[in-house]
PDB file of N, CA and C in Angstrom:
ATOM      1  N   MET A   1     155.210  75.838-185.427  1.00  0.00           N
ATOM      2  CA  MET A   1     156.627  75.737-186.166  1.00  0.00           C
ATOM      3  C   MET A   1     157.336  76.253-185.595  1.00  0.00           C
ATOM      4  N   LYS A   2     157.649  77.724-185.516  1.00  0.00           N
ATOM      5  CA  LYS A   2     158.719  78.252-184.388  1.00  0.00           C
ATOM      6  C   LYS A   2     159.263  77.899-183.213  1.00  0.00           C
ATOM      7  N   LYS A   3     158.423  77.037-182.527  1.00  0.00           N
ATOM      8  CA  LYS A   3     159.178  76.015-181.493  1.00  0.00           C
ATOM      9  C   LYS A   3     159.529  74.749-182.210  1.00  0.00           C
ATOM     10  N   VAL A   4     158.725  74.611-182.736  1.00  0.00           N
ATOM     11  CA  VAL A   4     159.939  73.113-183.212  1.00  0.00           C
ATOM     12  C   VAL A   4     161.377  73.515-183.970  1.00  0.00           C
ATOM     13  N   PHE A   5     161.237  74.618-184.520  1.00  0.00           N
ATOM     14  CA  PHE A   5     163.024  75.176-185.171  1.00  0.00           C
ATOM     15  C   PHE A   5     163.549  75.576-183.907  1.00  0.00           C
ATOM     16  N   LEU A   6     162.836  76.521-183.128  1.00  0.00           N
ATOM     17  CA  LEU A   6     163.899  76.947-181.468  1.00  0.00           C
ATOM     18  C   LEU A   6     164.316  75.317-180.704  1.00  0.00           C
ATOM     19  N   VAL A   7     163.610  74.377-181.124  1.00  0.00           N
ATOM     20  CA  VAL A   7     164.098  73.191-180.491  1.00  0.00           C
ATOM     21  C   VAL A   7     165.393  72.468-180.947  1.00  0.00           C
ATOM     22  N   ALA A   8     164.899  72.384-182.152  1.00  0.00           N
ATOM     23  CA  ALA A   8     166.228  71.838-183.046  1.00  0.00           C
ATOM     24  C   ALA A   8     167.143  73.192-183.248  1.00  0.00           C
ATOM     25  N   ILE A   9     166.989  73.993-182.578  1.00  0.00           N
ATOM     26  CA  ILE A   9     168.653  75.132-182.529  1.00  0.00           C
ATOM     27  C   ILE A   9     168.760  74.863-181.566  1.00  0.00           C
ATOM     28  N   ILE A  10     168.533  74.641-180.175  1.00  0.00           N
ATOM     29  CA  ILE A  10     168.655  74.147-178.911  1.00  0.00           C
ATOM     30  C   ILE A  10     169.561  72.606-178.850  1.00  0.00           C
ATOM     31  N   PHE A  11     168.654  71.939-180.362  1.00  0.00           N
ATOM     32  CA  PHE A  11     169.675  70.751-179.487  1.00  0.00           C
ATOM     33  C   PHE A  11     170.700  70.647-180.376  1.00  0.00           C
ATOM     34  N   LEU A  12     170.640  70.861-181.311  1.00  0.00           N
ATOM     35  CA  LEU A  12     171.919  71.615-182.089  1.00  0.00           C
ATOM     36  C   LEU A  12     173.024  71.985-181.795  1.00  0.00           C
ATOM     37  N   ALA A  13     172.102  73.087-181.145  1.00  0.00           N
ATOM     38  CA  ALA A  13     173.874  74.090-181.124  1.00  0.00           C
ATOM     39  C   ALA A  13     174.205  73.227-179.440  1.00  0.00           C
ATOM     40  N   THR A  14     173.959  72.344-178.694  1.00  0.00           N
ATOM     41  CA  THR A  14     174.557  71.976-177.421  1.00  0.00           C
ATOM     42  C   THR A  14     175.788  71.256-177.207  1.00  0.00           C
ATOM     43  N   LYS A  15     176.210  70.970-176.941  1.00  0.00           N
ATOM     44  CA  LYS A  15     177.568  69.852-176.849  1.00  0.00           C
ATOM     45  C   LYS A  15     176.697  68.102-175.797  1.00  0.00           C
ATOM     46  N   MET A  16     176.801  67.023-177.440  1.00  0.00           N
ATOM     47  CA  MET A  16     176.279  66.107-177.300  1.00  0.00           C
ATOM     48  C   MET A  16     177.471  65.266-176.342  1.00  0.00           C
ATOM     49  N   THR A  17     177.310  64.905-175.710  1.00  0.00           N
ATOM     50  CA  THR A  17     178.670  64.630-174.242  1.00  0.00           C
ATOM     51  C   THR A  17     178.245  63.122-174.556  1.00  0.00           C
ATOM     52  N   SER A  18     177.205  63.307-174.502  1.00  0.00           N
ATOM     53  CA  SER A  18     176.023  61.604-173.951  1.00  0.00           C
ATOM     54  C   SER A  18     176.167  60.916-174.738  1.00  0.00           C
ATOM     55  N   LEU A  19     176.730  61.068-175.971  1.00  0.00           N
ATOM     56  CA  LEU A  19     176.801  59.960-176.865  1.00  0.00           C
ATOM     57  C   LEU A  19     177.868  58.717-176.980  1.00  0.00           C
ATOM     58  N   ALA A  20     179.331  59.367-176.464  1.00  0.00           N
ATOM     59  CA  ALA A  20     180.682  57.994-176.597  1.00  0.00           C
ATOM     60  C   ALA A  20     180.012  58.194-174.284  1.00  0.00           C
ATOM     61  N   CYS A  21     180.704  56.434-174.548  1.00  0.00           N
ATOM     62  CA  CYS A  21     181.515  56.084-172.986  1.00  0.00           C
ATOM     63  C   CYS A  21     182.682  56.339-173.096  1.00  0.00           C
ATOM     64  N   ALA A  22     183.242  56.965-172.163  1.00  0.00           N
ATOM     65  CA  ALA A  22     184.488  57.249-171.895  1.00  0.00           C
ATOM     66  C   ALA A  22     185.268  56.307-171.710  1.00  0.00           C
ATOM     67  N   ALA A  23     184.967  54.597-172.441  1.00  0.00           N
ATOM     68  CA  ALA A  23     186.705  54.224-172.638  1.00  0.00           C
ATOM     69  C   ALA A  23     186.715  54.020-174.247  1.00  0.00           C
ATOM     70  N   CYS A  24     185.075  55.138-174.572  1.00  0.00           N
ATOM     71  CA  CYS A  24     184.965  54.747-176.744  1.00  0.00           C
ATOM     72  C   CYS A  24     186.162  56.206-175.963  1.00  0.00           C
ATOM     73  N   GLU A  25     184.981  56.869-176.052  1.00  0.00           N
ATOM     74  CA  GLU A  25     186.562  58.659-176.161  1.00  0.00           C
ATOM     75  C   GLU A  25     188.107  58.380-175.661  1.00  0.00           C
ATOM     76  N   LYS A  26     188.666  57.481-175.022  1.00  0.00           N
ATOM     77  CA  LYS A  26     190.072  57.102-174.731  1.00  0.00           C
ATOM     78  C   LYS A  26     191.022  57.006-176.386  1.00  0.00           C
ATOM     79  N   GLN A  27     189.405  56.177-177.285  1.00  0.00           N
ATOM     80  CA  GLN A  27     190.065  55.403-177.981  1.00  0.00           C
ATOM     81  C   GLN A  27     190.038  56.217-179.090  1.00  0.00           C
ATOM     82  N   GLN A  28     188.831  57.703-179.638  1.00  0.00           N
ATOM     83  CA  GLN A  28     188.724  57.961-180.797  1.00  0.00           C
ATOM     84  C   GLN A  28     189.933  59.211-180.725  1.00  0.00           C
ATOM     85  N   PRO A  29     190.268  59.453-182.148  1.00  0.00           N
ATOM     86  CA  PRO A  29     191.052  61.083-182.751  1.00  0.00           C
ATOM     87  C   PRO A  29     190.636  62.121-182.134  1.00  0.00           C
ATOM     88  N   LYS A  30     191.416  63.114-182.367  1.00  0.00           N
ATOM     89  CA  LYS A  30     190.368  64.445-181.904  1.00  0.00           C
ATOM     90  C   LYS A  30     188.746  64.922-182.206  1.00  0.00           C
ATOM     91  N   ILE A  31     188.848  64.649-183.498  1.00  0.00           N
ATOM     92  CA  ILE A  31     188.133  65.005-184.586  1.00  0.00           C
ATOM     93  C   ILE A  31     187.022  64.185-184.134  1.00  0.00           C
ATOM     94  N   THR A  32     186.640  62.851-183.838  1.00  0.00           N
ATOM     95  CA  THR A  32     186.150  62.325-183.093  1.00  0.00           C
ATOM     96  C   THR A  32     185.527  61.792-181.617  1.00  0.00           C
ATOM     97  N   ARG A  33     186.201  62.287-180.940  1.00  0.00           N
ATOM     98  CA  ARG A  33     186.035  62.191-179.548  1.00  0.00           C
ATOM     99  C   ARG A  33     184.772  62.989-179.108  1.00  0.00           C
ATOM    100  N   GLY A  34     183.926  61.380-178.369  1.00  0.00           N
ATOM    101  CA  GLY A  34     182.922  62.253-177.529  1.00  0.00           C
ATOM    102  C   GLY A  34     181.275  62.584-178.871  1.00  0.00           C
ATOM    103  N   ILE A  35     182.174  61.650-179.861  1.00  0.00           N
ATOM    104  CA  ILE A  35     180.677  61.490-180.362  1.00  0.00           C
ATOM    105  C   ILE A  35     180.215  60.522-180.815  1.00  0.00           C
ATOM    106  N   THR A  36     181.519  59.332-180.913  1.00  0.00           N
ATOM    107  CA  THR A  36     181.050  58.000-181.313  1.00  0.00           C
ATOM    108  C   THR A  36     181.869  56.406-180.757  1.00  0.00           C
ATOM    109  N   HIS A  37     181.688  55.182-180.586  1.00  0.00           N
ATOM    110  CA  HIS A  37     182.233  54.474-179.946  1.00  0.00           C
ATOM    111  C   HIS A  37     182.625  53.916-180.695  1.00  0.00           C
ATOM    112  N   GLY A  38     183.948  53.024-180.333  1.00  0.00           N
ATOM    113  CA  GLY A  38     184.438  51.639-180.717  1.00  0.00           C
ATOM    114  C   GLY A  38     185.961  52.440-181.093  1.00  0.00           C
ATOM    115  N   SER A  39     186.800  52.114-181.618  1.00  0.00           N
ATOM    116  CA  SER A  39     187.867  52.135-181.533  1.00  0.00           C
ATOM    117  C   SER A  39     188.506  52.967-182.481  1.00  0.00           C
ATOM    118  N   GLY A  40     187.310  53.930-183.593  1.00  0.00           N
ATOM    119  CA  GLY A  40     187.671  55.359-184.580  1.00  0.00           C
ATOM    120  C   GLY A  40     189.018  54.265-185.869  1.00  0.00           C
ATOM    121  N   PRO A  41     188.989  54.828-186.613  1.00  0.00           N
ATOM    122  CA  PRO A  41     189.821  54.988-187.481  1.00  0.00           C
ATOM    123  C   PRO A  41     191.277  54.670-187.268  1.00  0.00           C
ATOM    124  N   GLN A  42     191.491  53.914-188.534  1.00  0.00           N
ATOM    125  CA  GLN A  42     192.370  52.329-188.455  1.00  0.00           C
ATOM    126  C   GLN A  42     193.805  53.011-188.918  1.00  0.00           C
ATOM    127  N   SER A  43     193.339  53.734-190.093  1.00  0.00           N
ATOM    128  CA  SER A  43     195.015  54.397-190.764  1.00  0.00           C
ATOM    129  C   SER A  43     194.366  55.485-191.432  1.00  0.00           C
ATOM    130  N   ASP A  44     194.650  56.497-192.106  1.00  0.00           N
ATOM    131  CA  ASP A  44     194.776  57.644-192.593  1.00  0.00           C
ATOM    132  C   ASP A  44     193.583  56.735-193.650  1.00  0.00           C
ATOM    133  N   TRP A  45     193.675  55.424-194.431  1.00  0.00           N
ATOM    134  CA  TRP A  45     193.061  55.948-195.672  1.00  0.00           C
ATOM    135  C   TRP A  45     191.365  55.254-195.463  1.00  0.00           C
ATOM    136  N   ASP A  46     191.273  55.100-193.722  1.00  0.00           N
ATOM    137  CA  ASP A  46     189.565  55.830-193.366  1.00  0.00           C
ATOM    138  C   ASP A  46     189.330  56.913-193.838  1.00  0.00           C
ATOM    139  N   TYR A  47     189.637  57.469-193.514  1.00  0.00           N
ATOM    140  CA  TYR A  47     189.944  59.008-193.789  1.00  0.00           C
ATOM    141  C   TYR A  47     189.587  59.308-194.903  1.00  0.00           C
ATOM    142  N   ALA A  48     190.221  58.800-196.341  1.00  0.00           N
ATOM    143  CA  ALA A  48     190.336  58.551-197.877  1.00  0.00           C
ATOM    144  C   ALA A  48     189.030  58.381-197.974  1.00  0.00           C
ATOM    145  N   ILE A  49     188.638  57.246-197.946  1.00  0.00           N
ATOM    146  CA  ILE A  49     187.133  56.483-198.032  1.00  0.00           C
ATOM    147  C   ILE A  49     186.262  57.283-197.390  1.00  0.00           C
ATOM    148  N   ILE A  50     186.123  57.504-196.430  1.00  0.00           N
ATOM    149  CA  ILE A  50     184.518  58.191-195.550  1.00  0.00           C
ATOM    150  C   ILE A  50     184.752  59.797-196.619  1.00  0.00           C
ATOM    151  N   GLY A  51     186.066  60.183-197.194  1.00  0.00           N
ATOM    152  CA  GLY A  51     185.665  61.578-197.749  1.00  0.00           C
ATOM    153  C   GLY A  51     185.311  61.594-199.306  1.00  0.00           C
ATOM    154  N   PHE A  52     185.878  59.964-199.746  1.00  0.00           N
ATOM    155  CA  PHE A  52     185.525  60.217-201.245  1.00  0.00           C
ATOM    156  C   PHE A  52     183.979  59.651-201.205  1.00  0.00           C
ATOM    157  N   VAL A  53     183.148  58.730-200.080  1.00  0.00           N
ATOM    158  CA  VAL A  53     181.918  58.261-199.826  1.00  0.00           C
ATOM    159  C   VAL A  53     181.084  59.606-199.926  1.00  0.00           C
ATOM    160  N   ALA A  54     181.463  60.507-198.596  1.00  0.00           N
ATOM    161  CA  ALA A  54     180.720  61.451-198.503  1.00  0.00           C
ATOM    162  C   ALA A  54     180.539  62.558-200.579  1.00  0.00           C
ATOM    163  N   LEU A  55     181.508  62.551-201.183  1.00  0.00           N
ATOM    164  CA  LEU A  55     181.687  63.152-202.018  1.00  0.00           C
ATOM    165  C   LEU A  55     180.370  63.011-203.114  1.00  0.00           C
ATOM    166  N   ILE A  56     180.837  61.734-203.381  1.00  0.00           N
ATOM    167  CA  ILE A  56     179.312  60.907-203.690  1.00  0.00           C
ATOM    168  C   ILE A  56     178.552  60.870-203.490  1.00  0.00           C
ATOM    169  N   VAL A  57     178.245  61.284-202.156  1.00  0.00           N
ATOM    170  CA  VAL A  57     176.664  60.911-202.027  1.00  0.00           C
ATOM    171  C   VAL A  57     176.426  63.110-201.874  1.00  0.00           C
ATOM    172  N   ILE A  58     177.296  63.624-201.721  1.00  0.00           N
ATOM    173  CA  ILE A  58     176.886  65.242-202.479  1.00  0.00           C
ATOM    174  C   ILE A  58     176.549  65.360-203.507  1.00  0.00           C
ATOM    175  N   VAL A  59     177.411  64.786-204.423  1.00  0.00           N
ATOM    176  CA  VAL A  59     177.002  65.544-205.954  1.00  0.00           C
ATOM    177  C   VAL A  59     175.731  64.253-206.657  1.00  0.00           C
ATOM    178  N   SER A  60     174.989  63.198-205.555  1.00  0.00           N
ATOM    179  CA  SER A  60     174.364  62.666-206.058  1.00  0.00           C
ATOM    180  C   SER A  60     173.099  63.346-205.473  1.00  0.00           C
ATOM    181  N   PHE A  61     173.143  63.688-204.716  1.00  0.00           N
ATOM    182  CA  PHE A  61     172.014  64.859-203.869  1.00  0.00           C
ATOM    183  C   PHE A  61     172.089  66.175-204.919  1.00  0.00           C
ATOM    184  N   VAL A  62     172.921  66.409-205.389  1.00  0.00           N
ATOM    185  CA  VAL A  62     173.105  67.948-206.039  1.00  0.00           C
ATOM    186  C   VAL A  62     172.187  67.302-207.399  1.00  0.00           C
ATOM    187  N   TYR A  63     172.394  66.741-207.886  1.00  0.00           N
ATOM    188  CA  TYR A  63     171.578  65.971-209.202  1.00  0.00           C
ATOM    189  C   TYR A  63     171.163  65.936-209.046  1.00  0.00           C
ATOM    190  N   SER A  64     170.476  65.408-208.567  1.00  0.00           N
ATOM    191  CA  SER A  64     169.011  64.741-208.094  1.00  0.00           C
ATOM    192  C   SER A  64     167.918  66.031-207.588  1.00  0.00           C
ATOM    193  N   ILE A  65     168.820  66.883-206.723  1.00  0.00           N
ATOM    194  CA  ILE A  65     167.754  68.207-206.834  1.00  0.00           C
ATOM    195  C   ILE A  65     167.512  68.834-208.105  1.00  0.00           C
ATOM    196  N   LYS A  66     168.497  68.956-208.567  1.00  0.00           N
ATOM    197  CA  LYS A  66     168.943  70.117-210.087  1.00  0.00           C
ATOM    198  C   LYS A  66     168.220  69.231-211.410  1.00  0.00           C
ATOM    199  N   TRP A  67     167.996  68.252-211.153  1.00  0.00           N
ATOM    200  CA  TRP A  67     167.033  67.024-212.528  1.00  0.00           C
ATOM    201  C   TRP A  67     165.938  67.045-211.779  1.00  0.00           C
ATOM    202  N   LEU A  68     165.266  67.229-210.329  1.00  0.00           N
ATOM    203  CA  LEU A  68     163.862  67.575-209.972  1.00  0.00           C
ATOM    204  C   LEU A  68     163.422  68.670-210.310  1.00  0.00           C
ATOM    205  N   VAL A  69     164.028  69.882-210.008  1.00  0.00           N
ATOM    206  CA  VAL A  69     163.435  71.216-211.042  1.00  0.00           C
ATOM    207  C   VAL A  69     163.827  70.976-212.034  1.00  0.00           C
ATOM    208  N   LYS A  70     164.277  70.789-212.823  1.00  0.00           N
ATOM    209  CA  LYS A  70     164.712  71.029-214.097  1.00  0.00           C
ATOM    210  C   LYS A  70     165.056  69.873-215.120  1.00  0.00           C
ATOM    211  N   PRO A  71     163.977  69.144-215.261  1.00  0.00           N
ATOM    212  CA  PRO A  71     164.398  67.927-215.398  1.00  0.00           C
ATOM    213  C   PRO A  71     165.167  67.913-217.163  1.00  0.00           C
ATOM    214  N   GLY A  72     164.994  68.774-217.970  1.00  0.00           N
ATOM    215  CA  GLY A  72     165.887  68.931-219.279  1.00  0.00           C
ATOM    216  C   GLY A  72     165.045  68.234-220.308  1.00  0.00           C
ATOM    217  N   GLU A  73     163.621  67.519-220.748  1.00  0.00           N
ATOM    218  CA  GLU A  73     163.064  66.871-222.081  1.00  0.00           C
ATOM    219  C   GLU A  73     162.570  67.815-222.369  1.00  0.00           C
ATOM    220  N   HIS A  74     162.877  67.850-223.522  1.00  0.00           N
ATOM    221  CA  HIS A  74     162.341  68.441-224.684  1.00  0.00           C
ATOM    222  C   HIS A  74     161.735  68.590-225.723  1.00  0.00           C
ATOM    223  N   ASP A  75     162.125  66.881-226.099  1.00  0.00           N
ATOM    224  CA  ASP A  75     161.492  66.174-227.088  1.00  0.00           C
ATOM    225  C   ASP A  75     159.988  66.290-226.980  1.00  0.00           C
ATOM    226  N   SER A  76     159.184  66.343-228.680  1.00  0.00           N
ATOM    227  CA  SER A  76     158.100  66.202-228.269  1.00  0.00           C
ATOM    228  C   SER A  76     157.427  64.183-228.144  1.00  0.00           C
ATOM    229  N   ALA A  77     158.400  64.055-228.543  1.00  0.00           N
ATOM    230  CA  ALA A  77     158.214  62.256-228.494  1.00  0.00           C
ATOM    231  C   ALA A  77     158.574  61.687-227.069  1.00  0.00           C
ATOM    232  N   HIS A  78     159.188  62.736-226.419  1.00  0.00           N
ATOM    233  CA  HIS A  78     159.721  62.018-224.823  1.00  0.00           C
ATOM    234  C   HIS A  78     157.575  61.515-224.070  1.00  0.00           C
ATOM    235  N   ILE A  79     158.485  60.222-223.008  1.00  0.00           N
ATOM    236  CA  ILE A  79     157.149  59.693-222.831  1.00  0.00           C
ATOM    237  C   ILE A  79     156.469  61.192-221.913  1.00  0.00           C
ATOM    238  N   LYS A  80     156.459  61.495-221.607  1.00  0.00           N
ATOM    239  CA  LYS A  80     156.087  62.357-220.646  1.00  0.00           C
ATOM    240  C   LYS A  80     154.807  63.185-221.055  1.00  0.00           C
ATOM    241  N   ARG A  81     155.143  63.258-222.476  1.00  0.00           N
ATOM    242  CA  ARG A  81     154.166  64.062-223.532  1.00  0.00           C
ATOM    243  C   ARG A  81     153.212  63.357-224.191  1.00  0.00           C
ATOM    244  N   SER A  82     153.039  61.554-223.979  1.00  0.00           N
ATOM    245  CA  SER A  82     152.608  61.221-224.856  1.00  0.00           C
ATOM    246  C   SER A  82     150.400  61.195-223.912  1.00  0.00           C
ATOM    247  N   SER A  83     149.998  60.959-224.929  1.00  0.00           N
ATOM    248  CA  SER A  83     148.549  61.177-224.678  1.00  0.00           C
ATOM    249  C   SER A  83     147.439  59.994-224.694  1.00  0.00           C
ATOM    250  N   PHE A  84     148.195  59.280-224.195  1.00  0.00           N
ATOM    251  CA  PHE A  84     146.605  57.792-223.821  1.00  0.00           C
ATOM    252  C   PHE A  84     146.622  58.032-222.730  1.00  0.00           C
ATOM    253  N   ILE A  85     145.381  57.837-222.230  1.00  0.00           N
ATOM    254  CA  ILE A  85     144.880  57.287-221.340  1.00  0.00           C
ATOM    255  C   ILE A  85     144.621  56.036-221.056  1.00  0.00           C
ATOM    256  N   LEU A  86     144.769  55.253-220.365  1.00  0.00           N
ATOM    257  CA  LEU A  86     144.931  53.899-219.459  1.00  0.00           C
ATOM    258  C   LEU A  86     143.164  53.360-219.224  1.00  0.00           C
ATOM    259  N   GLU A  87     142.607  52.956-219.646  1.00  0.00           N
ATOM    260  CA  GLU A  87     141.679  52.456-219.942  1.00  0.00           C
ATOM    261  C   GLU A  87     141.269  51.265-218.765  1.00  0.00           C
TER     262      GLU A  87
END
């Protein structure tokens, strides 16, 4: 387990410049240079859309973890409290 953790740390800590080719690297803005292929964002709306989608993903992740840890159904008639057995 320690070896896997160490390899993961080393992998994430190193600069991975092999992900984008030289032609694509010149077309990218400074924030995504060297990590993606293609022409990059065409306008500021692209950043707004990506930010909005990332916010939706983060909020849904937080609520899914919250409801998995503490569901909150306290009603005695709730389906999880039923006592019938399927035969």
